[in-house]
Amino acid sequence: MGIIIVATGHGWRPFLVGAGTAVVLGTAASPVYLGVHHPSDVAMSIVDSIAAASLVNAALMLLMAHLSERRSGLRAGRPYGGISHAR
């Protein structure tokens, strides 16, 4: 699901949404079919996964915006010339 969030605005996003949905539903149906988990357990794990992916994506976007803002204030100084130019 995280790949789908990252792929926002790309032309191949609909394919990823379809493939991702098929994989998630197929994986979710397996433990219910085997009787290992209740449907509510599986549904909650899907909700948790989507929420976690969204939170991580938001945190990374904030971090990247912060780093970009910090770097824009740096001024270019003299280029480092290596050890031979040191005084």
PDB file of N, CA and C in Angstrom:
ATOM      1  N   MET A   1       0.819  -1.192   0.000  1.00  0.00           N
ATOM      2  CA  MET A   1       0.000   0.000   0.000  1.00  0.00           C
ATOM      3  C   MET A   1       0.863   1.257   0.000  1.00  0.00           C
ATOM      4  N   GLY A   2       2.033   1.164   0.581  1.00  0.00           N
ATOM      5  CA  GLY A   2       2.924   2.307   0.597  1.00  0.00           C
ATOM      6  C   GLY A   2       3.360   2.710  -0.797  1.00  0.00           C
ATOM      7  N   ILE A   3       3.541   1.736  -1.681  1.00  0.00           N
ATOM      8  CA  ILE A   3       3.931   2.032  -3.061  1.00  0.00           C
ATOM      9  C   ILE A   3       2.830   2.816  -3.757  1.00  0.00           C
ATOM     10  N   ILE A   4       1.585   2.500  -3.469  1.00  0.00           N
ATOM     11  CA  ILE A   4       0.461   3.208  -4.079  1.00  0.00           C
ATOM     12  C   ILE A   4       0.456   4.665  -3.638  1.00  0.00           C
ATOM     13  N   ILE A   5       0.758   4.922  -2.377  1.00  0.00           N
ATOM     14  CA  ILE A   5       0.800   6.300  -1.879  1.00  0.00           C
ATOM     15  C   ILE A   5       1.922   7.072  -2.555  1.00  0.00           C
ATOM     16  N   VAL A   6       3.072   6.443  -2.693  1.00  0.00           N
ATOM     17  CA  VAL A   6       4.227   7.102  -3.309  1.00  0.00           C
ATOM     18  C   VAL A   6       3.991   7.338  -4.801  1.00  0.00           C
ATOM     19  N   ALA A   7       3.207   6.490  -5.445  1.00  0.00           N
ATOM     20  CA  ALA A   7       2.989   6.578  -6.890  1.00  0.00           C
ATOM     21  C   ALA A   7       1.926   7.589  -7.279  1.00  0.00           C
ATOM     22  N   THR A   8       1.501   8.433  -6.376  1.00  0.00           N
ATOM     23  CA  THR A   8       0.475   9.420  -6.678  1.00  0.00           C
ATOM     24  C   THR A   8       0.948  10.334  -7.805  1.00  0.00           C
ATOM     25  N   GLY A   9       0.116  10.492  -8.818  1.00  0.00           N
ATOM     26  CA  GLY A   9       0.436  11.382  -9.927  1.00  0.00           C
ATOM     27  C   GLY A   9       1.128  10.699 -11.089  1.00  0.00           C
ATOM     28  N   HIS A  10       1.416   9.413 -11.004  1.00  0.00           N
ATOM     29  CA  HIS A  10       2.064   8.698 -12.100  1.00  0.00           C
ATOM     30  C   HIS A  10       1.018   7.973 -12.932  1.00  0.00           C
ATOM     31  N   GLY A  11       1.352   7.698 -14.182  1.00  0.00           N
ATOM     32  CA  GLY A  11       0.424   7.049 -15.093  1.00  0.00           C
ATOM     33  C   GLY A  11       0.159   5.590 -14.762  1.00  0.00           C
ATOM     34  N   TRP A  12       1.084   4.934 -14.109  1.00  0.00           N
ATOM     35  CA  TRP A  12       0.916   3.521 -13.786  1.00  0.00           C
ATOM     36  C   TRP A  12       0.292   3.298 -12.426  1.00  0.00           C
ATOM     37  N   ARG A  13      -0.201   4.339 -11.798  1.00  0.00           N
ATOM     38  CA  ARG A  13      -0.832   4.197 -10.486  1.00  0.00           C
ATOM     39  C   ARG A  13      -2.084   3.312 -10.521  1.00  0.00           C
ATOM     40  N   PRO A  14      -2.973   3.428 -11.533  1.00  0.00           N
ATOM     41  CA  PRO A  14      -4.150   2.543 -11.552  1.00  0.00           C
ATOM     42  C   PRO A  14      -3.775   1.051 -11.586  1.00  0.00           C
ATOM     43  N   PHE A  15      -2.725   0.709 -12.298  1.00  0.00           N
ATOM     44  CA  PHE A  15      -2.273  -0.678 -12.314  1.00  0.00           C
ATOM     45  C   PHE A  15      -1.807  -1.102 -10.926  1.00  0.00           C
ATOM     46  N   LEU A  16      -1.069  -0.236 -10.252  1.00  0.00           N
ATOM     47  CA  LEU A  16      -0.599  -0.555  -8.904  1.00  0.00           C
ATOM     48  C   LEU A  16      -1.752  -0.699  -7.920  1.00  0.00           C
ATOM     49  N   VAL A  17      -2.766   0.136  -8.059  1.00  0.00           N
ATOM     50  CA  VAL A  17      -3.926   0.049  -7.178  1.00  0.00           C
ATOM     51  C   VAL A  17      -4.630  -1.294  -7.378  1.00  0.00           C
ATOM     52  N   GLY A  18      -4.832  -1.685  -8.632  1.00  0.00           N
ATOM     53  CA  GLY A  18      -5.492  -2.962  -8.911  1.00  0.00           C
ATOM     54  C   GLY A  18      -4.678  -4.154  -8.436  1.00  0.00           C
ATOM     55  N   ALA A  19      -3.388  -4.158  -8.752  1.00  0.00           N
ATOM     56  CA  ALA A  19      -2.524  -5.269  -8.339  1.00  0.00           C
ATOM     57  C   ALA A  19      -2.386  -5.315  -6.822  1.00  0.00           C
ATOM     58  N   GLY A  20      -2.229  -4.168  -6.199  1.00  0.00           N
ATOM     59  CA  GLY A  20      -2.100  -4.116  -4.743  1.00  0.00           C
ATOM     60  C   GLY A  20      -3.357  -4.588  -4.031  1.00  0.00           C
ATOM     61  N   THR A  21      -4.505  -4.187  -4.560  1.00  0.00           N
ATOM     62  CA  THR A  21      -5.773  -4.617  -3.970  1.00  0.00           C
ATOM     63  C   THR A  21      -5.945  -6.129  -4.089  1.00  0.00           C
ATOM     64  N   ALA A  22      -5.591  -6.680  -5.243  1.00  0.00           N
ATOM     65  CA  ALA A  22      -5.697  -8.131  -5.433  1.00  0.00           C
ATOM     66  C   ALA A  22      -4.775  -8.887  -4.481  1.00  0.00           C
ATOM     67  N   VAL A  23      -3.561  -8.395  -4.311  1.00  0.00           N
ATOM     68  CA  VAL A  23      -2.612  -9.058  -3.403  1.00  0.00           C
ATOM     69  C   VAL A  23      -3.096  -8.971  -1.959  1.00  0.00           C
ATOM     70  N   VAL A  24      -3.559  -7.806  -1.548  1.00  0.00           N
ATOM     71  CA  VAL A  24      -4.027  -7.628  -0.170  1.00  0.00           C
ATOM     72  C   VAL A  24      -5.238  -8.514   0.117  1.00  0.00           C
ATOM     73  N   LEU A  25      -6.196  -8.535  -0.786  1.00  0.00           N
ATOM     74  CA  LEU A  25      -7.399  -9.347  -0.557  1.00  0.00           C
ATOM     75  C   LEU A  25      -7.082 -10.840  -0.596  1.00  0.00           C
ATOM     76  N   GLY A  26      -6.186 -11.236  -1.489  1.00  0.00           N
ATOM     77  CA  GLY A  26      -5.791 -12.641  -1.536  1.00  0.00           C
ATOM     78  C   GLY A  26      -5.056 -13.073  -0.283  1.00  0.00           C
ATOM     79  N   THR A  27      -4.171 -12.216   0.182  1.00  0.00           N
ATOM     80  CA  THR A  27      -3.432 -12.515   1.407  1.00  0.00           C
ATOM     81  C   THR A  27      -4.359 -12.488   2.618  1.00  0.00           C
ATOM     82  N   ALA A  28      -5.318 -11.589   2.627  1.00  0.00           N
ATOM     83  CA  ALA A  28      -6.242 -11.480   3.754  1.00  0.00           C
ATOM     84  C   ALA A  28      -7.219 -12.653   3.797  1.00  0.00           C
ATOM     85  N   ALA A  29      -7.585 -13.192   2.648  1.00  0.00           N
ATOM     86  CA  ALA A  29      -8.549 -14.289   2.610  1.00  0.00           C
ATOM     87  C   ALA A  29      -7.942 -15.598   3.113  1.00  0.00           C
ATOM     88  N   SER A  30      -6.642 -15.742   2.974  1.00  0.00           N
ATOM     89  CA  SER A  30      -5.997 -16.998   3.349  1.00  0.00           C
ATOM     90  C   SER A  30      -6.160 -17.363   4.821  1.00  0.00           C
ATOM     91  N   PRO A  31      -5.817 -16.491   5.779  1.00  0.00           N
ATOM     92  CA  PRO A  31      -5.989 -16.890   7.180  1.00  0.00           C
ATOM     93  C   PRO A  31      -7.448 -17.068   7.592  1.00  0.00           C
ATOM     94  N   VAL A  32      -8.351 -16.336   6.946  1.00  0.00           N
ATOM     95  CA  VAL A  32      -9.772 -16.510   7.253  1.00  0.00           C
ATOM     96  C   VAL A  32     -10.233 -17.875   6.734  1.00  0.00           C
ATOM     97  N   TYR A  33      -9.805 -18.224   5.532  1.00  0.00           N
ATOM     98  CA  TYR A  33     -10.173 -19.518   4.951  1.00  0.00           C
ATOM     99  C   TYR A  33      -9.622 -20.675   5.782  1.00  0.00           C
ATOM    100  N   LEU A  34      -8.389 -20.530   6.269  1.00  0.00           N
ATOM    101  CA  LEU A  34      -7.775 -21.585   7.070  1.00  0.00           C
ATOM    102  C   LEU A  34      -8.315 -21.628   8.499  1.00  0.00           C
ATOM    103  N   GLY A  35      -9.063 -20.620   8.895  1.00  0.00           N
ATOM    104  CA  GLY A  35      -9.646 -20.586  10.234  1.00  0.00           C
ATOM    105  C   GLY A  35      -8.673 -20.120  11.303  1.00  0.00           C
ATOM    106  N   VAL A  36      -7.585 -19.504  10.902  1.00  0.00           N
ATOM    107  CA  VAL A  36      -6.566 -19.048  11.852  1.00  0.00           C
ATOM    108  C   VAL A  36      -6.965 -17.716  12.477  1.00  0.00           C
ATOM    109  N   HIS A  37      -7.634 -16.844  11.696  1.00  0.00           N
ATOM    110  CA  HIS A  37      -8.046 -15.531  12.191  1.00  0.00           C
ATOM    111  C   HIS A  37      -9.505 -15.274  11.846  1.00  0.00           C
ATOM    112  N   HIS A  38     -10.106 -14.398  12.607  1.00  0.00           N
ATOM    113  CA  HIS A  38     -11.462 -13.944  12.314  1.00  0.00           C
ATOM    114  C   HIS A  38     -11.396 -12.853  11.243  1.00  0.00           C
ATOM    115  N   PRO A  39     -12.454 -12.654  10.485  1.00  0.00           N
ATOM    116  CA  PRO A  39     -12.464 -11.585   9.477  1.00  0.00           C
ATOM    117  C   PRO A  39     -12.190 -10.204  10.075  1.00  0.00           C
ATOM    118  N   SER A  40     -12.647  -9.972  11.312  1.00  0.00           N
ATOM    119  CA  SER A  40     -12.410  -8.667  11.934  1.00  0.00           C
ATOM    120  C   SER A  40     -10.917  -8.448  12.210  1.00  0.00           C
ATOM    121  N   ASP A  41     -10.188  -9.519  12.556  1.00  0.00           N
ATOM    122  CA  ASP A  41      -8.737  -9.399  12.764  1.00  0.00           C
ATOM    123  C   ASP A  41      -8.048  -8.963  11.478  1.00  0.00           C
ATOM    124  N   VAL A  42      -8.436  -9.606  10.399  1.00  0.00           N
ATOM    125  CA  VAL A  42      -7.815  -9.318   9.105  1.00  0.00           C
ATOM    126  C   VAL A  42      -8.172  -7.909   8.646  1.00  0.00           C
ATOM    127  N   ALA A  43      -9.422  -7.519   8.816  1.00  0.00           N
ATOM    128  CA  ALA A  43      -9.842  -6.171   8.409  1.00  0.00           C
ATOM    129  C   ALA A  43      -9.085  -5.108   9.197  1.00  0.00           C
ATOM    130  N   MET A  44      -8.904  -5.343  10.485  1.00  0.00           N
ATOM    131  CA  MET A  44      -8.185  -4.360  11.304  1.00  0.00           C
ATOM    132  C   MET A  44      -6.719  -4.283  10.915  1.00  0.00           C
ATOM    133  N   SER A  45      -6.117  -5.401  10.545  1.00  0.00           N
ATOM    134  CA  SER A  45      -4.715  -5.360  10.121  1.00  0.00           C
ATOM    135  C   SER A  45      -4.552  -4.573   8.824  1.00  0.00           C
ATOM    136  N   ILE A  46      -5.543  -4.653   7.937  1.00  0.00           N
ATOM    137  CA  ILE A  46      -5.493  -3.861   6.702  1.00  0.00           C
ATOM    138  C   ILE A  46      -5.601  -2.374   7.034  1.00  0.00           C
ATOM    139  N   VAL A  47      -6.522  -2.022   7.927  1.00  0.00           N
ATOM    140  CA  VAL A  47      -6.680  -0.621   8.337  1.00  0.00           C
ATOM    141  C   VAL A  47      -5.393  -0.111   9.005  1.00  0.00           C
ATOM    142  N   ASP A  48      -4.810  -0.924   9.875  1.00  0.00           N
ATOM    143  CA  ASP A  48      -3.564  -0.532  10.541  1.00  0.00           C
ATOM    144  C   ASP A  48      -2.431  -0.326   9.539  1.00  0.00           C
ATOM    145  N   SER A  49      -2.339  -1.199   8.568  1.00  0.00           N
ATOM    146  CA  SER A  49      -1.273  -1.089   7.564  1.00  0.00           C
ATOM    147  C   SER A  49      -1.409   0.184   6.739  1.00  0.00           C
ATOM    148  N   ILE A  50      -2.633   0.494   6.339  1.00  0.00           N
ATOM    149  CA  ILE A  50      -2.857   1.717   5.557  1.00  0.00           C
ATOM    150  C   ILE A  50      -2.538   2.952   6.404  1.00  0.00           C
ATOM    151  N   ALA A  51      -2.951   2.939   7.659  1.00  0.00           N
ATOM    152  CA  ALA A  51      -2.666   4.075   8.544  1.00  0.00           C
ATOM    153  C   ALA A  51      -1.169   4.229   8.772  1.00  0.00           C
ATOM    154  N   ALA A  52      -0.466   3.131   8.975  1.00  0.00           N
ATOM    155  CA  ALA A  52       0.982   3.205   9.196  1.00  0.00           C
ATOM    156  C   ALA A  52       1.697   3.724   7.957  1.00  0.00           C
ATOM    157  N   ALA A  53       1.310   3.236   6.784  1.00  0.00           N
ATOM    158  CA  ALA A  53       1.933   3.709   5.547  1.00  0.00           C
ATOM    159  C   ALA A  53       1.670   5.198   5.337  1.00  0.00           C
ATOM    160  N   SER A  54       0.470   5.653   5.657  1.00  0.00           N
ATOM    161  CA  SER A  54       0.140   7.074   5.518  1.00  0.00           C
ATOM    162  C   SER A  54       0.943   7.932   6.492  1.00  0.00           C
ATOM    163  N   LEU A  55       1.083   7.474   7.722  1.00  0.00           N
ATOM    164  CA  LEU A  55       1.853   8.229   8.717  1.00  0.00           C
ATOM    165  C   LEU A  55       3.335   8.297   8.351  1.00  0.00           C
ATOM    166  N   VAL A  56       3.890   7.192   7.898  1.00  0.00           N
ATOM    167  CA  VAL A  56       5.295   7.189   7.496  1.00  0.00           C
ATOM    168  C   VAL A  56       5.495   8.104   6.298  1.00  0.00           C
ATOM    169  N   ASN A  57       4.574   8.069   5.331  1.00  0.00           N
ATOM    170  CA  ASN A  57       4.677   8.946   4.175  1.00  0.00           C
ATOM    171  C   ASN A  57       4.605  10.413   4.588  1.00  0.00           C
ATOM    172  N   ALA A  58       3.697  10.755   5.485  1.00  0.00           N
ATOM    173  CA  ALA A  58       3.572  12.136   5.946  1.00  0.00           C
ATOM    174  C   ALA A  58       4.831  12.581   6.692  1.00  0.00           C
ATOM    175  N   ALA A  59       5.374  11.700   7.528  1.00  0.00           N
ATOM    176  CA  ALA A  59       6.593  12.038   8.268  1.00  0.00           C
ATOM    177  C   ALA A  59       7.765  12.255   7.315  1.00  0.00           C
ATOM    178  N   LEU A  60       7.878  11.413   6.303  1.00  0.00           N
ATOM    179  CA  LEU A  60       8.967  11.575   5.337  1.00  0.00           C
ATOM    180  C   LEU A  60       8.807  12.860   4.531  1.00  0.00           C
ATOM    181  N   MET A  61       7.579  13.205   4.176  1.00  0.00           N
ATOM    182  CA  MET A  61       7.350  14.452   3.435  1.00  0.00           C
ATOM    183  C   MET A  61       7.720  15.668   4.285  1.00  0.00           C
ATOM    184  N   LEU A  62       7.360  15.634   5.578  1.00  0.00           N
ATOM    185  CA  LEU A  62       7.736  16.731   6.461  1.00  0.00           C
ATOM    186  C   LEU A  62       9.251  16.822   6.631  1.00  0.00           C
ATOM    187  N   LEU A  63       9.886  15.672   6.773  1.00  0.00           N
ATOM    188  CA  LEU A  63      11.337  15.646   6.915  1.00  0.00           C
ATOM    189  C   LEU A  63      12.015  16.178   5.665  1.00  0.00           C
ATOM    190  N   MET A  64      11.556  15.761   4.497  1.00  0.00           N
ATOM    191  CA  MET A  64      12.161  16.232   3.246  1.00  0.00           C
ATOM    192  C   MET A  64      11.939  17.739   3.065  1.00  0.00           C
ATOM    193  N   ALA A  65      10.759  18.234   3.437  1.00  0.00           N
ATOM    194  CA  ALA A  65      10.498  19.674   3.340  1.00  0.00           C
ATOM    195  C   ALA A  65      11.403  20.439   4.290  1.00  0.00           C
ATOM    196  N   HIS A  66      11.596  19.907   5.492  1.00  0.00           N
ATOM    197  CA  HIS A  66      12.470  20.558   6.469  1.00  0.00           C
ATOM    198  C   HIS A  66      13.915  20.575   5.978  1.00  0.00           C
ATOM    199  N   LEU A  67      14.389  19.458   5.466  1.00  0.00           N
ATOM    200  CA  LEU A  67      15.766  19.404   4.971  1.00  0.00           C
ATOM    201  C   LEU A  67      15.957  20.308   3.767  1.00  0.00           C
ATOM    202  N   SER A  68      14.974  20.373   2.904  1.00  0.00           N
ATOM    203  CA  SER A  68      15.053  21.240   1.736  1.00  0.00           C
ATOM    204  C   SER A  68      15.103  22.706   2.154  1.00  0.00           C
ATOM    205  N   GLU A  69      14.310  23.049   3.157  1.00  0.00           N
ATOM    206  CA  GLU A  69      14.292  24.430   3.655  1.00  0.00           C
ATOM    207  C   GLU A  69      15.623  24.799   4.299  1.00  0.00           C
ATOM    208  N   ARG A  70      16.203  23.869   5.046  1.00  0.00           N
ATOM    209  CA  ARG A  70      17.490  24.130   5.696  1.00  0.00           C
ATOM    210  C   ARG A  70      18.603  24.291   4.675  1.00  0.00           C
ATOM    211  N   ARG A  71      18.585  23.477   3.628  1.00  0.00           N
ATOM    212  CA  ARG A  71      19.650  23.540   2.624  1.00  0.00           C
ATOM    213  C   ARG A  71      19.534  24.786   1.755  1.00  0.00           C
ATOM    214  N   SER A  72      18.340  25.320   1.582  1.00  0.00           N
ATOM    215  CA  SER A  72      18.186  26.494   0.734  1.00  0.00           C
ATOM    216  C   SER A  72      18.824  27.722   1.370  1.00  0.00           C
ATOM    217  N   GLY A  73      19.031  27.715   2.677  1.00  0.00           N
ATOM    218  CA  GLY A  73      19.636  28.851   3.350  1.00  0.00           C
ATOM    219  C   GLY A  73      21.153  28.811   3.376  1.00  0.00           C
ATOM    220  N   LEU A  74      21.740  27.726   2.933  1.00  0.00           N
ATOM    221  CA  LEU A  74      23.198  27.623   2.934  1.00  0.00           C
ATOM    222  C   LEU A  74      23.787  28.483   1.831  1.00  0.00           C
ATOM    223  N   ARG A  75      24.932  29.053   2.124  1.00  0.00           N
ATOM    224  CA  ARG A  75      25.615  29.855   1.108  1.00  0.00           C
ATOM    225  C   ARG A  75      26.820  29.084   0.611  1.00  0.00           C
ATOM    226  N   ALA A  76      27.042  29.187  -0.654  1.00  0.00           N
ATOM    227  CA  ALA A  76      28.192  28.497  -1.240  1.00  0.00           C
ATOM    228  C   ALA A  76      29.463  29.253  -0.877  1.00  0.00           C
ATOM    229  N   GLY A  77      30.387  28.553  -0.329  1.00  0.00           N
ATOM    230  CA  GLY A  77      31.680  29.146   0.005  1.00  0.00           C
ATOM    231  C   GLY A  77      32.732  28.757  -1.019  1.00  0.00           C
ATOM    232  N   ARG A  78      33.985  28.957  -0.650  1.00  0.00           N
ATOM    233  CA  ARG A  78      35.064  28.558  -1.533  1.00  0.00           C
ATOM    234  C   ARG A  78      35.070  27.048  -1.668  1.00  0.00           C
ATOM    235  N   PRO A  79      35.242  26.529  -2.869  1.00  0.00           N
ATOM    236  CA  PRO A  79      35.300  25.087  -3.018  1.00  0.00           C
ATOM    237  C   PRO A  79      36.542  24.518  -2.347  1.00  0.00           C
ATOM    238  N   TYR A  80      36.408  23.328  -1.816  1.00  0.00           N
ATOM    239  CA  TYR A  80      37.521  22.667  -1.163  1.00  0.00           C
ATOM    240  C   TYR A  80      38.491  22.201  -2.229  1.00  0.00           C
ATOM    241  N   GLY A  81      39.730  22.582  -2.086  1.00  0.00           N
ATOM    242  CA  GLY A  81      40.737  22.258  -3.104  1.00  0.00           C
ATOM    243  C   GLY A  81      41.543  21.024  -2.802  1.00  0.00           C
ATOM    244  N   GLY A  82      41.237  20.345  -1.746  1.00  0.00           N
ATOM    245  CA  GLY A  82      42.002  19.150  -1.418  1.00  0.00           C
ATOM    246  C   GLY A  82      43.146  19.483  -0.482  1.00  0.00           C
ATOM    247  N   ILE A  83      43.935  18.502  -0.147  1.00  0.00           N
ATOM    248  CA  ILE A  83      45.011  18.666   0.818  1.00  0.00           C
ATOM    249  C   ILE A  83      46.149  19.511   0.264  1.00  0.00           C
ATOM    250  N   SER A  84      46.340  19.535  -1.053  1.00  0.00           N
ATOM    251  CA  SER A  84      47.453  20.282  -1.635  1.00  0.00           C
ATOM    252  C   SER A  84      47.250  21.785  -1.528  1.00  0.00           C
ATOM    253  N   HIS A  85      46.009  22.236  -1.374  1.00  0.00           N
ATOM    254  CA  HIS A  85      45.736  23.677  -1.294  1.00  0.00           C
ATOM    255  C   HIS A  85      45.584  24.161   0.145  1.00  0.00           C
ATOM    256  N   ALA A  86      45.745  23.283   1.103  1.00  0.00           N
ATOM    257  CA  ALA A  86      45.604  23.673   2.495  1.00  0.00           C
ATOM    258  C   ALA A  86      46.826  24.482   2.928  1.00  0.00           C
ATOM    259  N   ARG A  87      46.618  25.494   3.793  1.00  0.00           N
ATOM    260  CA  ARG A  87      47.736  26.327   4.248  1.00  0.00           C
ATOM    261  C   ARG A  87      47.997  26.105   5.678  1.00  0.00           C
TER     262      ARG A  87
END
